[in-house]
């Protein structure tokens, strides 16, 4: 079943070819809701071509991200990767029984590895160049 959309507002292009957009649609059951218009969307519940026709030329132009915005997004991704690695370390270091089973040398290696992970954002070239520490 295809839902007919008759009103759109606040459309904004997400790429230079204007095929991907964020828009609000007036859904017949839910009222005004945010909607992502993407040509790769295979769901036919809402006819994207009809929505695109309703938008026409009434949309905010695509504004490419600044280098600062690109770097901020990459930094967030790198920090998320780092946080996952820290979780694995904390499973060992935070478990008193597992930690006690390690030799003093291994405990030192794991402690240094955790410190090196925490210091990843302070590396020269972060977030574009990251040298990951070697896991013990």
N, C-alpha and C. Protein backbone atom coordinates (compact mmCIF):
# COMPACT_ATOMS: atom_id res chain seq x y z
N UNK A 1 0.83 -1.18 0.00
CA UNK A 1 0.00 0.00 0.00
C UNK A 1 0.88 1.25 0.00
N UNK A 2 0.64 2.13 -0.91
CA UNK A 2 1.40 3.38 -0.99
C UNK A 2 0.63 4.49 -0.31
N UNK A 3 1.33 5.23 0.53
CA UNK A 3 0.74 6.36 1.23
C UNK A 3 0.94 7.60 0.36
N UNK A 4 -0.12 8.34 0.15
CA UNK A 4 -0.04 9.54 -0.67
C UNK A 4 0.31 10.74 0.21
N UNK A 5 1.38 11.40 -0.16
CA UNK A 5 1.82 12.61 0.54
C UNK A 5 1.44 13.80 -0.33
N UNK A 6 0.77 14.78 0.28
CA UNK A 6 0.32 15.94 -0.51
C UNK A 6 0.99 17.24 -0.09
N UNK A 7 1.71 17.22 1.06
CA UNK A 7 2.36 18.45 1.52
C UNK A 7 3.76 18.13 2.05
N UNK A 8 4.69 19.00 1.76
CA UNK A 8 6.05 18.90 2.28
C UNK A 8 6.50 20.29 2.74
N UNK A 9 7.50 20.32 3.61
CA UNK A 9 8.06 21.60 4.02
C UNK A 9 9.49 21.39 4.52
N UNK A 10 10.22 22.47 4.60
CA UNK A 10 11.57 22.49 5.16
C UNK A 10 12.53 21.49 4.49
N UNK A 11 12.46 21.39 3.19
CA UNK A 11 13.36 20.48 2.48
C UNK A 11 14.76 21.07 2.43
N UNK A 12 15.75 20.20 2.58
CA UNK A 12 17.15 20.62 2.49
C UNK A 12 17.95 19.53 1.80
N UNK A 13 18.73 19.93 0.81
CA UNK A 13 19.54 18.98 0.06
C UNK A 13 20.71 18.49 0.90
N UNK A 14 21.02 17.20 0.76
CA UNK A 14 22.12 16.59 1.50
C UNK A 14 23.34 16.28 0.63
N UNK A 15 23.22 16.54 -0.67
CA UNK A 15 24.36 16.33 -1.56
C UNK A 15 24.19 17.20 -2.80
N UNK A 16 25.27 17.38 -3.51
CA UNK A 16 25.28 18.36 -4.60
C UNK A 16 24.32 18.04 -5.74
N UNK A 17 23.98 16.77 -5.96
CA UNK A 17 23.04 16.45 -7.06
C UNK A 17 21.58 16.59 -6.64
N UNK A 18 21.34 16.95 -5.39
CA UNK A 18 19.99 17.22 -4.86
C UNK A 18 19.05 16.01 -4.91
N UNK A 19 19.59 14.81 -4.91
CA UNK A 19 18.74 13.62 -4.92
C UNK A 19 18.45 13.11 -3.51
N UNK A 20 19.33 13.40 -2.57
CA UNK A 20 19.11 13.04 -1.16
C UNK A 20 18.72 14.31 -0.42
N UNK A 21 17.63 14.21 0.35
CA UNK A 21 17.15 15.39 1.07
C UNK A 21 16.55 14.99 2.40
N UNK A 22 16.61 15.92 3.31
CA UNK A 22 15.81 15.85 4.52
C UNK A 22 14.61 16.75 4.29
N UNK A 23 13.44 16.29 4.67
CA UNK A 23 12.22 17.05 4.43
C UNK A 23 11.21 16.65 5.50
N UNK A 24 10.26 17.49 5.75
CA UNK A 24 9.12 17.12 6.59
C UNK A 24 7.95 16.83 5.66
N UNK A 25 7.27 15.72 5.93
CA UNK A 25 6.09 15.37 5.14
C UNK A 25 4.86 15.40 6.04
N UNK A 26 3.74 15.73 5.46
CA UNK A 26 2.48 15.71 6.21
C UNK A 26 1.87 14.33 5.99
N UNK A 27 2.19 13.43 6.91
CA UNK A 27 1.71 12.03 6.82
C UNK A 27 0.23 12.00 7.18
N UNK A 28 -0.59 11.28 6.41
CA UNK A 28 -2.03 11.28 6.67
C UNK A 28 -2.41 10.73 8.05
N UNK A 29 -1.59 9.89 8.64
CA UNK A 29 -1.91 9.34 9.96
C UNK A 29 -1.16 10.02 11.10
N UNK A 30 0.05 10.48 10.84
CA UNK A 30 0.90 10.99 11.91
C UNK A 30 1.14 12.49 11.87
N UNK A 31 0.62 13.16 10.87
CA UNK A 31 0.87 14.60 10.75
C UNK A 31 2.28 14.87 10.24
N UNK A 32 2.80 16.02 10.60
CA UNK A 32 4.12 16.42 10.12
C UNK A 32 5.21 15.60 10.79
N UNK A 33 6.00 14.92 9.98
CA UNK A 33 7.10 14.09 10.48
C UNK A 33 8.33 14.29 9.60
N UNK A 34 9.53 14.12 10.19
CA UNK A 34 10.74 14.21 9.36
C UNK A 34 10.84 12.99 8.44
N UNK A 35 11.38 13.21 7.26
CA UNK A 35 11.50 12.14 6.28
C UNK A 35 12.80 12.30 5.52
N UNK A 36 13.51 11.21 5.34
CA UNK A 36 14.74 11.20 4.56
C UNK A 36 14.46 10.70 3.16
N UNK A 37 14.72 11.53 2.19
CA UNK A 37 14.49 11.18 0.79
C UNK A 37 15.82 10.71 0.20
N UNK A 38 15.85 9.45 -0.25
CA UNK A 38 17.08 8.86 -0.75
C UNK A 38 16.76 7.96 -1.93
N UNK A 39 17.42 8.15 -3.09
CA UNK A 39 17.12 7.31 -4.25
C UNK A 39 17.46 5.83 -4.02
N UNK A 40 18.30 5.54 -3.04
CA UNK A 40 18.65 4.15 -2.75
C UNK A 40 17.59 3.45 -1.91
N UNK A 41 16.61 4.20 -1.43
CA UNK A 41 15.54 3.63 -0.60
C UNK A 41 14.67 2.71 -1.45
N UNK A 42 14.54 1.46 -1.04
CA UNK A 42 13.74 0.50 -1.81
C UNK A 42 12.33 0.33 -1.26
N UNK A 43 12.03 0.96 -0.14
CA UNK A 43 10.68 0.89 0.43
C UNK A 43 9.74 1.76 -0.41
N UNK A 44 8.66 1.19 -0.86
CA UNK A 44 7.73 1.93 -1.72
C UNK A 44 6.47 2.37 -0.99
N UNK A 45 6.51 2.34 0.34
CA UNK A 45 5.35 2.78 1.12
C UNK A 45 5.02 4.23 0.79
N UNK A 46 6.06 5.04 0.64
CA UNK A 46 5.88 6.43 0.23
C UNK A 46 6.59 6.58 -1.11
N UNK A 47 5.91 7.18 -2.06
CA UNK A 47 6.47 7.38 -3.40
C UNK A 47 7.46 8.55 -3.35
N UNK A 48 8.76 8.22 -3.34
CA UNK A 48 9.79 9.25 -3.25
C UNK A 48 9.77 10.20 -4.45
N UNK A 49 9.43 9.69 -5.62
CA UNK A 49 9.36 10.57 -6.79
C UNK A 49 8.26 11.61 -6.63
N UNK A 50 7.15 11.21 -6.02
CA UNK A 50 6.06 12.15 -5.78
C UNK A 50 6.49 13.21 -4.76
N UNK A 51 7.20 12.77 -3.72
CA UNK A 51 7.69 13.72 -2.72
C UNK A 51 8.68 14.69 -3.37
N UNK A 52 9.58 14.16 -4.19
CA UNK A 52 10.54 15.01 -4.89
C UNK A 52 9.83 16.02 -5.80
N UNK A 53 8.76 15.59 -6.45
CA UNK A 53 7.98 16.49 -7.30
C UNK A 53 7.32 17.59 -6.47
N UNK A 54 6.83 17.23 -5.28
CA UNK A 54 6.23 18.24 -4.39
C UNK A 54 7.27 19.27 -3.95
N UNK A 55 8.48 18.81 -3.71
CA UNK A 55 9.55 19.72 -3.29
C UNK A 55 9.91 20.66 -4.43
N UNK A 56 10.02 20.09 -5.63
CA UNK A 56 10.39 20.92 -6.78
C UNK A 56 11.72 21.61 -6.57
N UNK A 57 11.70 22.94 -6.64
CA UNK A 57 12.93 23.72 -6.43
C UNK A 57 12.90 24.45 -5.09
N UNK A 58 11.93 24.11 -4.25
CA UNK A 58 11.77 24.78 -2.96
C UNK A 58 12.51 24.01 -1.87
N UNK A 59 13.85 24.12 -1.87
CA UNK A 59 14.65 23.44 -0.85
C UNK A 59 15.92 24.25 -0.58
N UNK A 60 16.45 24.05 0.61
CA UNK A 60 17.72 24.69 0.96
C UNK A 60 18.83 23.99 0.19
N UNK A 61 19.70 24.79 -0.38
CA UNK A 61 20.79 24.25 -1.19
C UNK A 61 21.76 23.45 -0.33
N UNK A 62 22.41 22.51 -0.98
CA UNK A 62 23.44 21.70 -0.34
C UNK A 62 24.62 22.60 0.02
N UNK A 63 25.08 22.45 1.25
CA UNK A 63 26.27 23.17 1.70
C UNK A 63 27.28 22.11 2.12
N UNK A 64 28.39 21.99 1.38
CA UNK A 64 29.36 20.96 1.74
C UNK A 64 29.93 21.23 3.13
N UNK A 65 30.27 20.17 3.85
CA UNK A 65 30.83 20.36 5.19
C UNK A 65 32.20 21.04 5.12
N UNK A 66 32.50 21.81 6.14
CA UNK A 66 33.81 22.44 6.23
C UNK A 66 34.83 21.39 6.66
N UNK A 67 36.09 21.71 6.49
CA UNK A 67 37.13 20.78 6.94
C UNK A 67 37.03 20.55 8.45
N UNK A 68 36.67 21.59 9.18
CA UNK A 68 36.51 21.45 10.63
C UNK A 68 35.39 20.47 10.96
N UNK A 69 34.28 20.52 10.20
CA UNK A 69 33.18 19.58 10.43
C UNK A 69 33.58 18.16 10.06
N UNK A 70 34.33 18.01 8.97
CA UNK A 70 34.81 16.68 8.57
C UNK A 70 35.74 16.13 9.64
N UNK A 71 36.66 16.97 10.12
CA UNK A 71 37.60 16.53 11.16
C UNK A 71 36.87 16.17 12.45
N UNK A 72 35.84 16.93 12.81
CA UNK A 72 35.08 16.65 14.03
C UNK A 72 34.36 15.31 13.92
N UNK A 73 33.78 15.03 12.76
CA UNK A 73 33.10 13.74 12.56
C UNK A 73 34.10 12.59 12.61
N UNK A 74 35.25 12.77 11.97
CA UNK A 74 36.28 11.73 12.00
C UNK A 74 36.81 11.54 13.41
N UNK A 75 37.00 12.62 14.14
CA UNK A 75 37.47 12.53 15.53
C UNK A 75 36.48 11.74 16.38
N UNK A 76 35.20 11.96 16.17
CA UNK A 76 34.18 11.21 16.91
C UNK A 76 34.25 9.72 16.58
N UNK A 77 34.47 9.38 15.30
CA UNK A 77 34.60 7.98 14.90
C UNK A 77 35.83 7.34 15.53
N UNK A 78 36.95 8.05 15.51
CA UNK A 78 38.18 7.51 16.09
C UNK A 78 38.02 7.32 17.60
N UNK A 79 37.40 8.30 18.25
CA UNK A 79 37.18 8.16 19.70
C UNK A 79 36.26 6.97 20.01
N UNK A 80 35.25 6.75 19.18
CA UNK A 80 34.35 5.61 19.38
C UNK A 80 35.12 4.30 19.24
N UNK A 81 36.00 4.23 18.25
CA UNK A 81 36.86 3.05 18.06
C UNK A 81 37.75 2.86 19.28
N UNK A 82 38.36 3.96 19.74
CA UNK A 82 39.21 3.91 20.92
C UNK A 82 38.43 3.44 22.15
N UNK A 83 37.19 3.93 22.30
CA UNK A 83 36.37 3.55 23.45
C UNK A 83 36.04 2.07 23.44
N UNK A 84 35.81 1.50 22.24
CA UNK A 84 35.58 0.05 22.15
C UNK A 84 36.81 -0.71 22.61
N UNK A 85 37.98 -0.24 22.21
CA UNK A 85 39.23 -0.90 22.62
C UNK A 85 39.42 -0.78 24.13
N UNK A 86 39.05 0.37 24.69
CA UNK A 86 39.16 0.55 26.14
C UNK A 86 38.22 -0.39 26.89
N UNK A 87 37.07 -0.64 26.33
CA UNK A 87 36.12 -1.56 26.96
C UNK A 87 36.74 -2.95 27.10
N UNK A 88 37.46 -3.39 26.08
CA UNK A 88 38.12 -4.70 26.13
C UNK A 88 39.20 -4.70 27.21
N UNK A 89 39.94 -3.61 27.34
CA UNK A 89 40.98 -3.51 28.37
C UNK A 89 40.33 -3.53 29.75
N UNK A 90 39.27 -2.77 29.91
CA UNK A 90 38.61 -2.67 31.21
C UNK A 90 38.00 -4.00 31.65
N UNK A 91 37.68 -4.86 30.69
CA UNK A 91 37.17 -6.19 31.04
C UNK A 91 38.25 -7.01 31.74
N UNK A 92 39.48 -6.71 31.44
CA UNK A 92 40.60 -7.40 32.09
C UNK A 92 41.02 -6.64 33.35
N UNK A 93 41.32 -5.36 33.18
CA UNK A 93 41.82 -4.56 34.31
C UNK A 93 40.76 -4.36 35.39
N UNK A 94 39.51 -4.35 35.00
CA UNK A 94 38.44 -4.14 35.97
C UNK A 94 37.97 -5.40 36.67
N UNK A 95 38.52 -6.54 36.27
CA UNK A 95 38.16 -7.81 36.88
C UNK A 95 39.31 -8.21 37.81
N UNK A 96 39.09 -8.07 39.10
CA UNK A 96 40.15 -8.29 40.08
C UNK A 96 40.77 -9.69 39.96
N UNK A 97 39.95 -10.70 39.70
CA UNK A 97 40.49 -12.06 39.60
C UNK A 97 41.37 -12.23 38.36
N UNK A 98 40.90 -11.75 37.22
CA UNK A 98 41.70 -11.84 35.99
C UNK A 98 42.98 -11.03 36.12
N UNK A 99 42.87 -9.83 36.71
CA UNK A 99 44.04 -8.96 36.87
C UNK A 99 45.08 -9.61 37.77
N UNK A 100 44.62 -10.25 38.83
CA UNK A 100 45.54 -10.89 39.78
C UNK A 100 46.27 -12.06 39.15
N UNK A 101 45.67 -12.69 38.15
CA UNK A 101 46.31 -13.82 37.48
C UNK A 101 47.46 -13.39 36.57
N UNK A 102 47.51 -12.11 36.21
CA UNK A 102 48.55 -11.62 35.31
C UNK A 102 49.85 -11.38 36.08
N UNK A 103 50.95 -11.57 35.38
CA UNK A 103 52.25 -11.25 36.00
C UNK A 103 52.36 -9.73 36.12
N UNK A 104 53.27 -9.28 36.93
CA UNK A 104 53.49 -7.84 37.10
C UNK A 104 53.87 -7.21 35.76
N UNK A 105 54.65 -7.92 34.96
CA UNK A 105 55.07 -7.40 33.66
C UNK A 105 53.85 -7.24 32.73
N UNK A 106 52.94 -8.24 32.73
CA UNK A 106 51.74 -8.15 31.89
C UNK A 106 50.81 -7.03 32.38
N UNK A 107 50.70 -6.88 33.70
CA UNK A 107 49.89 -5.78 34.22
C UNK A 107 50.43 -4.43 33.76
N UNK A 108 51.75 -4.30 33.76
CA UNK A 108 52.39 -3.06 33.29
C UNK A 108 52.10 -2.84 31.81
N UNK A 109 52.17 -3.91 31.01
CA UNK A 109 51.87 -3.80 29.57
C UNK A 109 50.43 -3.34 29.35
N UNK A 110 49.48 -3.95 30.07
CA UNK A 110 48.08 -3.59 29.91
C UNK A 110 47.82 -2.16 30.40
N UNK A 111 48.48 -1.76 31.47
CA UNK A 111 48.34 -0.40 31.98
C UNK A 111 48.86 0.60 30.96
N UNK A 112 50.02 0.30 30.35
CA UNK A 112 50.58 1.19 29.34
C UNK A 112 49.69 1.25 28.10
N UNK A 113 49.17 0.09 27.70
CA UNK A 113 48.28 0.03 26.54
C UNK A 113 47.05 0.91 26.77
N UNK A 114 46.47 0.82 27.97
CA UNK A 114 45.29 1.63 28.28
C UNK A 114 45.63 3.11 28.25
N UNK A 115 46.76 3.47 28.82
CA UNK A 115 47.22 4.87 28.81
C UNK A 115 47.43 5.35 27.37
N UNK A 116 48.05 4.51 26.55
CA UNK A 116 48.29 4.88 25.15
C UNK A 116 46.97 5.07 24.40
N UNK A 117 45.98 4.24 24.69
CA UNK A 117 44.66 4.42 24.07
C UNK A 117 44.03 5.75 24.49
N UNK A 118 44.14 6.05 25.77
CA UNK A 118 43.58 7.32 26.25
C UNK A 118 44.26 8.52 25.60
N UNK A 119 45.53 8.36 25.23
CA UNK A 119 46.30 9.46 24.65
C UNK A 119 46.19 9.57 23.13
N UNK A 120 45.42 8.69 22.50
CA UNK A 120 45.27 8.74 21.04
C UNK A 120 44.87 10.14 20.55
N UNK A 121 43.90 10.82 21.18
CA UNK A 121 43.51 12.15 20.67
C UNK A 121 44.63 13.20 20.78
N UNK A 122 45.67 12.94 21.56
CA UNK A 122 46.76 13.89 21.69
C UNK A 122 47.87 13.65 20.66
N UNK A 123 47.73 12.62 19.83
CA UNK A 123 48.75 12.33 18.82
C UNK A 123 48.80 13.44 17.77
N UNK A 124 50.01 13.70 17.27
CA UNK A 124 50.14 14.63 16.15
C UNK A 124 49.37 14.07 14.97
N UNK A 125 48.61 14.91 14.30
CA UNK A 125 47.87 14.49 13.13
C UNK A 125 46.48 13.95 13.42
N UNK A 126 46.12 13.81 14.71
CA UNK A 126 44.78 13.33 15.07
C UNK A 126 43.76 14.31 14.53
N UNK A 127 42.67 13.91 13.95
CA UNK A 127 42.16 12.55 13.80
C UNK A 127 42.51 11.91 12.45
N UNK A 128 43.21 12.66 11.59
CA UNK A 128 43.48 12.16 10.25
C UNK A 128 44.56 11.09 10.20
N UNK A 129 45.48 11.14 11.14
CA UNK A 129 46.54 10.14 11.22
C UNK A 129 46.58 9.61 12.65
N UNK A 130 46.33 8.33 12.79
CA UNK A 130 46.32 7.70 14.12
C UNK A 130 47.22 6.47 14.08
N UNK A 131 48.08 6.36 15.06
CA UNK A 131 48.89 5.16 15.24
C UNK A 131 48.33 4.45 16.47
N UNK A 132 47.70 3.31 16.21
CA UNK A 132 47.08 2.57 17.31
C UNK A 132 48.15 1.82 18.08
N UNK A 133 48.06 1.86 19.41
CA UNK A 133 49.02 1.07 20.20
C UNK A 133 48.76 -0.42 20.00
N UNK A 134 49.81 -1.19 20.22
CA UNK A 134 49.73 -2.64 20.06
C UNK A 134 49.19 -3.27 21.34
N UNK A 135 48.15 -4.06 21.18
CA UNK A 135 47.53 -4.74 22.32
C UNK A 135 48.50 -5.80 22.86
N UNK A 136 48.66 -5.86 24.19
CA UNK A 136 49.57 -6.87 24.77
C UNK A 136 49.12 -8.30 24.47
